[in-house]
Amino acid sequence: YGGACAATIYEMGTSSYKTIKGITEIFSIWISPPAW
């Protein structure tokens, strides 16, 4: 990501997102700057 979005991060903790994700592993990278 080139920007940090609170809603995107919050969504990752919801049960609906985790259900869609299933066993897939997610690793996030923020490039700062421009991201906070």
PDB file of all heavy atoms in Angstrom:
ATOM      1  N   TYR A   1       0.824  -1.204   0.000  1.00  0.00           N
ATOM      2  CA  TYR A   1       0.000   0.000   0.000  1.00  0.00           C
ATOM      3  C   TYR A   1       0.866   1.265   0.000  1.00  0.00           C
ATOM      4  O   TYR A   1       1.925   1.316   0.644  1.00  0.00           O
ATOM      5  CB  TYR A   1      -0.893   0.048   1.235  1.00  0.00           C
ATOM      6  CG  TYR A   1      -1.818  -1.116   1.398  1.00  0.00           C
ATOM      7  CD1 TYR A   1      -1.488  -2.177   2.252  1.00  0.00           C
ATOM      8  CD2 TYR A   1      -3.032  -1.173   0.731  1.00  0.00           C
ATOM      9  CE1 TYR A   1      -2.352  -3.254   2.422  1.00  0.00           C
ATOM     10  CE2 TYR A   1      -3.904  -2.243   0.899  1.00  0.00           C
ATOM     11  CZ  TYR A   1      -3.555  -3.288   1.741  1.00  0.00           C
ATOM     12  OH  TYR A   1      -4.409  -4.337   1.902  1.00  0.00           O
ATOM     13  N   GLY A   2       0.354   2.297  -0.675  1.00  0.00           N
ATOM     14  CA  GLY A   2       0.974   3.617  -0.615  1.00  0.00           C
ATOM     15  C   GLY A   2       0.193   4.557   0.268  1.00  0.00           C
ATOM     16  O   GLY A   2       0.494   5.751   0.341  1.00  0.00           O
ATOM     17  N   GLY A   3      -0.826   4.029   0.940  1.00  0.00           N
ATOM     18  CA  GLY A   3      -1.623   4.820   1.867  1.00  0.00           C
ATOM     19  C   GLY A   3      -2.231   3.903   2.901  1.00  0.00           C
ATOM     20  O   GLY A   3      -2.590   2.761   2.599  1.00  0.00           O
ATOM     21  N   ALA A   4      -2.330   4.384   4.139  1.00  0.00           N
ATOM     22  CA  ALA A   4      -2.891   3.581   5.230  1.00  0.00           C
ATOM     23  C   ALA A   4      -4.358   3.954   5.414  1.00  0.00           C
ATOM     24  O   ALA A   4      -4.677   5.090   5.757  1.00  0.00           O
ATOM     25  CB  ALA A   4      -2.113   3.818   6.519  1.00  0.00           C
ATOM     26  N   CYS A   5      -5.231   2.988   5.174  1.00  0.00           N
ATOM     27  CA  CYS A   5      -6.681   3.207   5.263  1.00  0.00           C
ATOM     28  C   CYS A   5      -7.217   2.495   6.504  1.00  0.00           C
ATOM     29  O   CYS A   5      -7.108   1.273   6.616  1.00  0.00           O
ATOM     30  CB  CYS A   5      -7.374   2.699   4.005  1.00  0.00           C
ATOM     31  SG  CYS A   5      -9.178   2.795   4.079  1.00  0.00           S
ATOM     32  N   ALA A   6      -7.792   3.260   7.428  1.00  0.00           N
ATOM     33  CA  ALA A   6      -8.311   2.686   8.669  1.00  0.00           C
ATOM     34  C   ALA A   6      -9.401   1.657   8.389  1.00  0.00           C
ATOM     35  O   ALA A   6      -9.458   0.604   9.040  1.00  0.00           O
ATOM     36  CB  ALA A   6      -8.843   3.797   9.570  1.00  0.00           C
ATOM     37  N   ALA A   7     -10.280   1.943   7.434  1.00  0.00           N
ATOM     38  CA  ALA A   7     -11.393   1.031   7.141  1.00  0.00           C
ATOM     39  C   ALA A   7     -10.887  -0.294   6.592  1.00  0.00           C
ATOM     40  O   ALA A   7     -11.417  -1.361   6.911  1.00  0.00           O
ATOM     41  CB  ALA A   7     -12.367   1.683   6.169  1.00  0.00           C
ATOM     42  N   THR A   8      -9.850  -0.240   5.720  1.00  0.00           N
ATOM     43  CA  THR A   8      -9.285  -1.464   5.151  1.00  0.00           C
ATOM     44  C   THR A   8      -8.677  -2.334   6.242  1.00  0.00           C
ATOM     45  O   THR A   8      -8.867  -3.553   6.266  1.00  0.00           O
ATOM     46  CB  THR A   8      -8.228  -1.121   4.102  1.00  0.00           C
ATOM     47  OG1 THR A   8      -8.840  -0.380   3.044  1.00  0.00           O
ATOM     48  CG2 THR A   8      -7.588  -2.374   3.534  1.00  0.00           C
ATOM     49  N   ILE A   9      -7.952  -1.716   7.165  1.00  0.00           N
ATOM     50  CA  ILE A   9      -7.335  -2.470   8.258  1.00  0.00           C
ATOM     51  C   ILE A   9      -8.409  -3.048   9.174  1.00  0.00           C
ATOM     52  O   ILE A   9      -8.352  -4.218   9.559  1.00  0.00           O
ATOM     53  CB  ILE A   9      -6.365  -1.569   9.052  1.00  0.00           C
ATOM     54  CG1 ILE A   9      -5.187  -1.144   8.152  1.00  0.00           C
ATOM     55  CG2 ILE A   9      -5.862  -2.273  10.303  1.00  0.00           C
ATOM     56  CD1 ILE A   9      -4.259  -0.132   8.786  1.00  0.00           C
ATOM     57  N   TYR A  10      -9.413  -2.224   9.507  1.00  0.00           N
ATOM     58  CA  TYR A  10     -10.480  -2.693  10.395  1.00  0.00           C
ATOM     59  C   TYR A  10     -11.228  -3.876   9.777  1.00  0.00           C
ATOM     60  O   TYR A  10     -11.571  -4.850  10.461  1.00  0.00           O
ATOM     61  CB  TYR A  10     -11.450  -1.553  10.698  1.00  0.00           C
ATOM     62  CG  TYR A  10     -12.610  -1.979  11.547  1.00  0.00           C
ATOM     63  CD1 TYR A  10     -12.448  -2.305  12.896  1.00  0.00           C
ATOM     64  CD2 TYR A  10     -13.890  -2.081  11.002  1.00  0.00           C
ATOM     65  CE1 TYR A  10     -13.508  -2.712  13.675  1.00  0.00           C
ATOM     66  CE2 TYR A  10     -14.966  -2.502  11.772  1.00  0.00           C
ATOM     67  CZ  TYR A  10     -14.775  -2.808  13.109  1.00  0.00           C
ATOM     68  OH  TYR A  10     -15.832  -3.216  13.873  1.00  0.00           O
ATOM     69  N   GLU A  11     -11.472  -3.802   8.481  1.00  0.00           N
ATOM     70  CA  GLU A  11     -12.204  -4.869   7.796  1.00  0.00           C
ATOM     71  C   GLU A  11     -11.490  -6.212   7.943  1.00  0.00           C
ATOM     72  O   GLU A  11     -12.135  -7.259   8.040  1.00  0.00           O
ATOM     73  CB  GLU A  11     -12.373  -4.517   6.323  1.00  0.00           C
ATOM     74  CG  GLU A  11     -13.132  -5.564   5.523  1.00  0.00           C
ATOM     75  CD  GLU A  11     -13.168  -5.282   4.032  1.00  0.00           C
ATOM     76  OE1 GLU A  11     -12.134  -4.819   3.500  1.00  0.00           O
ATOM     77  OE2 GLU A  11     -14.206  -5.531   3.412  1.00  0.00           O
ATOM     78  N   MET A  12     -10.156  -6.206   7.972  1.00  0.00           N
ATOM     79  CA  MET A  12      -9.397  -7.448   8.040  1.00  0.00           C
ATOM     80  C   MET A  12      -9.667  -8.228   9.322  1.00  0.00           C
ATOM     81  O   MET A  12      -9.434  -9.439   9.378  1.00  0.00           O
ATOM     82  CB  MET A  12      -7.899  -7.164   7.901  1.00  0.00           C
ATOM     83  CG  MET A  12      -7.502  -6.651   6.518  1.00  0.00           C
ATOM     84  SD  MET A  12      -5.777  -6.085   6.426  1.00  0.00           S
ATOM     85  CE  MET A  12      -4.905  -7.622   6.658  1.00  0.00           C
ATOM     86  N   GLY A  13     -10.186  -7.554  10.343  1.00  0.00           N
ATOM     87  CA  GLY A  13     -10.479  -8.228  11.597  1.00  0.00           C
ATOM     88  C   GLY A  13     -11.900  -8.715  11.715  1.00  0.00           C
ATOM     89  O   GLY A  13     -12.250  -9.375  12.705  1.00  0.00           O
ATOM     90  N   THR A  14     -12.735  -8.410  10.720  1.00  0.00           N
ATOM     91  CA  THR A  14     -14.147  -8.807  10.801  1.00  0.00           C
ATOM     92  C   THR A  14     -14.328 -10.279  10.424  1.00  0.00           C
ATOM     93  O   THR A  14     -13.549 -10.832   9.654  1.00  0.00           O
ATOM     94  CB  THR A  14     -15.023  -7.931   9.887  1.00  0.00           C
ATOM     95  OG1 THR A  14     -14.621  -8.125   8.521  1.00  0.00           O
ATOM     96  CG2 THR A  14     -14.891  -6.458  10.256  1.00  0.00           C
ATOM     97  N   SER A  15     -15.381 -10.880  10.967  1.00  0.00           N
ATOM     98  CA  SER A  15     -15.646 -12.293  10.690  1.00  0.00           C
ATOM     99  C   SER A  15     -15.978 -12.528   9.223  1.00  0.00           C
ATOM    100  O   SER A  15     -15.628 -13.569   8.654  1.00  0.00           O
ATOM    101  CB  SER A  15     -16.787 -12.796  11.574  1.00  0.00           C
ATOM    102  OG  SER A  15     -17.963 -12.044  11.341  1.00  0.00           O
ATOM    103  N   SER A  16     -16.673 -11.559   8.582  1.00  0.00           N
ATOM    104  CA  SER A  16     -17.033 -11.740   7.176  1.00  0.00           C
ATOM    105  C   SER A  16     -15.795 -11.780   6.297  1.00  0.00           C
ATOM    106  O   SER A  16     -15.697 -12.597   5.373  1.00  0.00           O
ATOM    107  CB  SER A  16     -17.975 -10.617   6.721  1.00  0.00           C
ATOM    108  OG  SER A  16     -17.360  -9.356   6.889  1.00  0.00           O
ATOM    109  N   TYR A  17     -14.806 -10.921   6.584  1.00  0.00           N
ATOM    110  CA  TYR A  17     -13.563 -10.918   5.814  1.00  0.00           C
ATOM    111  C   TYR A  17     -12.807 -12.229   6.035  1.00  0.00           C
ATOM    112  O   TYR A  17     -12.300 -12.840   5.087  1.00  0.00           O
ATOM    113  CB  TYR A  17     -12.701  -9.726   6.230  1.00  0.00           C
ATOM    114  CG  TYR A  17     -11.369  -9.640   5.505  1.00  0.00           C
ATOM    115  CD1 TYR A  17     -11.243  -8.942   4.312  1.00  0.00           C
ATOM    116  CD2 TYR A  17     -10.224 -10.252   6.022  1.00  0.00           C
ATOM    117  CE1 TYR A  17     -10.027  -8.856   3.650  1.00  0.00           C
ATOM    118  CE2 TYR A  17      -9.008 -10.183   5.375  1.00  0.00           C
ATOM    119  CZ  TYR A  17      -8.910  -9.479   4.182  1.00  0.00           C
ATOM    120  OH  TYR A  17      -7.706  -9.397   3.530  1.00  0.00           O
ATOM    121  N   LYS A  18     -12.762 -12.675   7.284  1.00  0.00           N
ATOM    122  CA  LYS A  18     -12.022 -13.899   7.589  1.00  0.00           C
ATOM    123  C   LYS A  18     -12.674 -15.124   6.945  1.00  0.00           C
ATOM    124  O   LYS A  18     -11.998 -16.068   6.568  1.00  0.00           O
ATOM    125  CB  LYS A  18     -11.921 -14.087   9.102  1.00  0.00           C
ATOM    126  CG  LYS A  18     -10.977 -13.087   9.757  1.00  0.00           C
ATOM    127  CD  LYS A  18     -10.912 -13.293  11.260  1.00  0.00           C
ATOM    128  CE  LYS A  18      -9.922 -12.347  11.917  1.00  0.00           C
ATOM    129  NZ  LYS A  18      -9.874 -12.510  13.393  1.00  0.00           N
ATOM    130  N   THR A  19     -13.999 -15.079   6.839  1.00  0.00           N
ATOM    131  CA  THR A  19     -14.700 -16.178   6.174  1.00  0.00           C
ATOM    132  C   THR A  19     -14.324 -16.233   4.699  1.00  0.00           C
ATOM    133  O   THR A  19     -14.072 -17.309   4.138  1.00  0.00           O
ATOM    134  CB  THR A  19     -16.220 -16.008   6.325  1.00  0.00           C
ATOM    135  OG1 THR A  19     -16.552 -16.064   7.719  1.00  0.00           O
ATOM    136  CG2 THR A  19     -16.967 -17.105   5.585  1.00  0.00           C
ATOM    137  N   ILE A  20     -14.304 -15.071   4.052  1.00  0.00           N
ATOM    138  CA  ILE A  20     -13.925 -15.013   2.632  1.00  0.00           C
ATOM    139  C   ILE A  20     -12.463 -15.411   2.461  1.00  0.00           C
ATOM    140  O   ILE A  20     -12.100 -16.146   1.553  1.00  0.00           O
ATOM    141  CB  ILE A  20     -14.175 -13.600   2.069  1.00  0.00           C
ATOM    142  CG1 ILE A  20     -15.671 -13.281   2.084  1.00  0.00           C
ATOM    143  CG2 ILE A  20     -13.633 -13.479   0.651  1.00  0.00           C
ATOM    144  CD1 ILE A  20     -15.985 -11.844   1.748  1.00  0.00           C
ATOM    145  N   LYS A  21     -11.628 -14.951   3.347  1.00  0.00           N
ATOM    146  CA  LYS A  21     -10.192 -15.236   3.280  1.00  0.00           C
ATOM    147  C   LYS A  21      -9.905 -16.727   3.477  1.00  0.00           C
ATOM    148  O   LYS A  21      -9.050 -17.303   2.811  1.00  0.00           O
ATOM    149  CB  LYS A  21      -9.477 -14.419   4.357  1.00  0.00           C
ATOM    150  CG  LYS A  21      -7.979 -14.679   4.451  1.00  0.00           C
ATOM    151  CD  LYS A  21      -7.360 -13.884   5.581  1.00  0.00           C
ATOM    152  CE  LYS A  21      -7.622 -14.513   6.918  1.00  0.00           C
ATOM    153  NZ  LYS A  21      -6.923 -15.799   7.107  1.00  0.00           N
ATOM    154  N   GLY A  22     -10.677 -17.352   4.398  1.00  0.00           N
ATOM    155  CA  GLY A  22     -10.443 -18.765   4.678  1.00  0.00           C
ATOM    156  C   GLY A  22      -9.042 -19.007   5.220  1.00  0.00           C
ATOM    157  O   GLY A  22      -8.576 -18.300   6.113  1.00  0.00           O
ATOM    158  N   ILE A  23      -8.347 -19.991   4.654  1.00  0.00           N
ATOM    159  CA  ILE A  23      -7.003 -20.321   5.145  1.00  0.00           C
ATOM    160  C   ILE A  23      -5.917 -19.520   4.445  1.00  0.00           C
ATOM    161  O   ILE A  23      -4.730 -19.676   4.733  1.00  0.00           O
ATOM    162  CB  ILE A  23      -6.722 -21.825   4.975  1.00  0.00           C
ATOM    163  CG1 ILE A  23      -6.680 -22.209   3.483  1.00  0.00           C
ATOM    164  CG2 ILE A  23      -7.714 -22.662   5.727  1.00  0.00           C
ATOM    165  CD1 ILE A  23      -6.139 -23.600   3.245  1.00  0.00           C
ATOM    166  N   THR A  24      -6.302 -18.683   3.493  1.00  0.00           N
ATOM    167  CA  THR A  24      -5.312 -17.859   2.790  1.00  0.00           C
ATOM    168  C   THR A  24      -4.613 -16.931   3.782  1.00  0.00           C
ATOM    169  O   THR A  24      -5.247 -16.346   4.656  1.00  0.00           O
ATOM    170  CB  THR A  24      -5.998 -17.028   1.694  1.00  0.00           C
ATOM    171  OG1 THR A  24      -6.693 -17.903   0.812  1.00  0.00           O
ATOM    172  CG2 THR A  24      -4.975 -16.229   0.904  1.00  0.00           C
ATOM    173  N   GLU A  25      -3.286 -16.812   3.629  1.00  0.00           N
ATOM    174  CA  GLU A  25      -2.497 -15.966   4.525  1.00  0.00           C
ATOM    175  C   GLU A  25      -2.317 -14.586   3.896  1.00  0.00           C
ATOM    176  O   GLU A  25      -2.090 -14.469   2.693  1.00  0.00           O
ATOM    177  CB  GLU A  25      -1.143 -16.624   4.787  1.00  0.00           C
ATOM    178  CG  GLU A  25      -0.317 -15.937   5.853  1.00  0.00           C
ATOM    179  CD  GLU A  25       1.000 -16.663   6.126  1.00  0.00           C
ATOM    180  OE1 GLU A  25       1.201 -17.749   5.534  1.00  0.00           O
ATOM    181  OE2 GLU A  25       1.817 -16.133   6.905  1.00  0.00           O
ATOM    182  N   ILE A  26      -2.435 -13.557   4.713  1.00  0.00           N
ATOM    183  CA  ILE A  26      -2.315 -12.175   4.239  1.00  0.00           C
ATOM    184  C   ILE A  26      -1.115 -11.516   4.915  1.00  0.00           C
ATOM    185  O   ILE A  26      -0.971 -11.564   6.147  1.00  0.00           O
ATOM    186  CB  ILE A  26      -3.585 -11.356   4.553  1.00  0.00           C
ATOM    187  CG1 ILE A  26      -4.841 -12.064   4.028  1.00  0.00           C
ATOM    188  CG2 ILE A  26      -3.467  -9.943   3.969  1.00  0.00           C
ATOM    189  CD1 ILE A  26      -4.923 -12.173   2.534  1.00  0.00           C
ATOM    190  N   PHE A  27      -0.258 -10.887   4.112  1.00  0.00           N
ATOM    191  CA  PHE A  27       0.874 -10.108   4.625  1.00  0.00           C
ATOM    192  C   PHE A  27       0.789  -8.722   3.998  1.00  0.00           C
ATOM    193  O   PHE A  27       0.702  -8.592   2.770  1.00  0.00           O
ATOM    194  CB  PHE A  27       2.203 -10.780   4.262  1.00  0.00           C
ATOM    195  CG  PHE A  27       3.410 -10.105   4.848  1.00  0.00           C
ATOM    196  CD1 PHE A  27       3.626 -10.094   6.216  1.00  0.00           C
ATOM    197  CD2 PHE A  27       4.348  -9.484   4.021  1.00  0.00           C
ATOM    198  CE1 PHE A  27       4.751  -9.483   6.758  1.00  0.00           C
ATOM    199  CE2 PHE A  27       5.474  -8.876   4.553  1.00  0.00           C
ATOM    200  CZ  PHE A  27       5.682  -8.870   5.925  1.00  0.00           C
ATOM    201  N   SER A  28       0.788  -7.694   4.844  1.00  0.00           N
ATOM    202  CA  SER A  28       0.610  -6.319   4.367  1.00  0.00           C
ATOM    203  C   SER A  28       1.906  -5.538   4.494  1.00  0.00           C
ATOM    204  O   SER A  28       2.651  -5.685   5.476  1.00  0.00           O
ATOM    205  CB  SER A  28      -0.492  -5.614   5.162  1.00  0.00           C
ATOM    206  OG  SER A  28      -1.709  -6.336   5.102  1.00  0.00           O
ATOM    207  N   ILE A  29       2.162  -4.685   3.485  1.00  0.00           N
ATOM    208  CA  ILE A  29       3.341  -3.818   3.489  1.00  0.00           C
ATOM    209  C   ILE A  29       2.883  -2.390   3.219  1.00  0.00           C
ATOM    210  O   ILE A  29       2.152  -2.136   2.253  1.00  0.00           O
ATOM    211  CB  ILE A  29       4.372  -4.253   2.431  1.00  0.00           C
ATOM    212  CG1 ILE A  29       4.892  -5.661   2.722  1.00  0.00           C
ATOM    213  CG2 ILE A  29       5.525  -3.258   2.363  1.00  0.00           C
ATOM    214  CD1 ILE A  29       5.835  -6.206   1.655  1.00  0.00           C
ATOM    215  N   TRP A  30       3.283  -1.465   4.099  1.00  0.00           N
ATOM    216  CA  TRP A  30       3.012  -0.048   3.872  1.00  0.00           C
ATOM    217  C   TRP A  30       4.333   0.669   3.572  1.00  0.00           C
ATOM    218  O   TRP A  30       5.300   0.553   4.340  1.00  0.00           O
ATOM    219  CB  TRP A  30       2.347   0.592   5.084  1.00  0.00           C
ATOM    220  CG  TRP A  30       0.882   0.275   5.154  1.00  0.00           C
ATOM    221  CD1 TRP A  30      -0.124   0.931   4.550  1.00  0.00           C
ATOM    222  CD2 TRP A  30       0.282  -0.818   5.866  1.00  0.00           C
ATOM    223  NE1 TRP A  30      -1.338   0.342   4.820  1.00  0.00           N
ATOM    224  CE2 TRP A  30      -1.115  -0.747   5.635  1.00  0.00           C
ATOM    225  CE3 TRP A  30       0.773  -1.843   6.669  1.00  0.00           C
ATOM    226  CZ2 TRP A  30      -2.005  -1.649   6.182  1.00  0.00           C
ATOM    227  CZ3 TRP A  30      -0.120  -2.739   7.216  1.00  0.00           C
ATOM    228  CH2 TRP A  30      -1.494  -2.649   6.969  1.00  0.00           C
ATOM    229  N   ILE A  31       4.380   1.339   2.431  1.00  0.00           N
ATOM    230  CA  ILE A  31       5.558   2.138   2.067  1.00  0.00           C
ATOM    231  C   ILE A  31       5.362   3.532   2.646  1.00  0.00           C
ATOM    232  O   ILE A  31       4.434   4.260   2.272  1.00  0.00           O
ATOM    233  CB  ILE A  31       5.743   2.192   0.543  1.00  0.00           C
ATOM    234  CG1 ILE A  31       5.966   0.779  -0.012  1.00  0.00           C
ATOM    235  CG2 ILE A  31       6.902   3.099   0.171  1.00  0.00           C
ATOM    236  CD1 ILE A  31       6.096   0.728  -1.519  1.00  0.00           C
ATOM    237  N   SER A  32       6.215   3.899   3.581  1.00  0.00           N
ATOM    238  CA  SER A  32       6.082   5.177   4.288  1.00  0.00           C
ATOM    239  C   SER A  32       7.373   5.978   4.185  1.00  0.00           C
ATOM    240  O   SER A  32       8.434   5.535   4.654  1.00  0.00           O
ATOM    241  CB  SER A  32       5.755   4.920   5.761  1.00  0.00           C
ATOM    242  OG  SER A  32       5.691   6.116   6.495  1.00  0.00           O
ATOM    243  N   PRO A  33       7.322   7.173   3.579  1.00  0.00           N
ATOM    244  CA  PRO A  33       6.168   7.751   2.898  1.00  0.00           C
ATOM    245  C   PRO A  33       5.971   7.070   1.525  1.00  0.00           C
ATOM    246  O   PRO A  33       6.859   6.373   1.085  1.00  0.00           O
ATOM    247  CB  PRO A  33       6.544   9.223   2.753  1.00  0.00           C
ATOM    248  CG  PRO A  33       8.047   9.202   2.685  1.00  0.00           C
ATOM    249  CD  PRO A  33       8.489   8.060   3.553  1.00  0.00           C
ATOM    250  N   PRO A  34       4.822   7.250   0.869  1.00  0.00           N
ATOM    251  CA  PRO A  34       3.757   8.223   1.149  1.00  0.00           C
ATOM    252  C   PRO A  34       2.783   7.793   2.239  1.00  0.00           C
ATOM    253  O   PRO A  34       2.040   8.622   2.747  1.00  0.00           O
ATOM    254  CB  PRO A  34       3.038   8.330  -0.193  1.00  0.00           C
ATOM    255  CG  PRO A  34       3.243   6.998  -0.825  1.00  0.00           C
ATOM    256  CD  PRO A  34       4.619   6.554  -0.430  1.00  0.00           C
ATOM    257  N   ALA A  35       2.696   6.494   2.587  1.00  0.00           N
ATOM    258  CA  ALA A  35       1.743   6.072   3.612  1.00  0.00           C
ATOM    259  C   ALA A  35       2.196   6.530   4.984  1.00  0.00           C
ATOM    260  O   ALA A  35       3.404   6.717   5.227  1.00  0.00           O
ATOM    261  CB  ALA A  35       1.605   4.551   3.592  1.00  0.00           C
ATOM    262  N   TRP A  36       1.241   6.707   5.887  1.00  0.00           N
ATOM    263  CA  TRP A  36       1.587   6.937   7.286  1.00  0.00           C
ATOM    264  C   TRP A  36       2.161   5.657   7.878  1.00  0.00           C
ATOM    265  O   TRP A  36       1.813   4.543   7.474  1.00  0.00           O
ATOM    266  CB  TRP A  36       0.342   7.316   8.087  1.00  0.00           C
ATOM    267  CG  TRP A  36      -0.068   8.757   7.925  1.00  0.00           C
ATOM    268  CD1 TRP A  36       0.398   9.654   7.013  1.00  0.00           C
ATOM    269  CD2 TRP A  36      -1.050   9.434   8.711  1.00  0.00           C
ATOM    270  NE1 TRP A  36      -0.226  10.859   7.167  1.00  0.00           N
ATOM    271  CE2 TRP A  36      -1.125  10.759   8.206  1.00  0.00           C
ATOM    272  CE3 TRP A  36      -1.874   9.073   9.764  1.00  0.00           C
ATOM    273  CZ2 TRP A  36      -1.991  11.708   8.751  1.00  0.00           C
ATOM    274  CZ3 TRP A  36      -2.726  10.012  10.301  1.00  0.00           C
ATOM    275  CH2 TRP A  36      -2.790  11.324   9.806  1.00  0.00           C
TER     276      TRP A  36
END
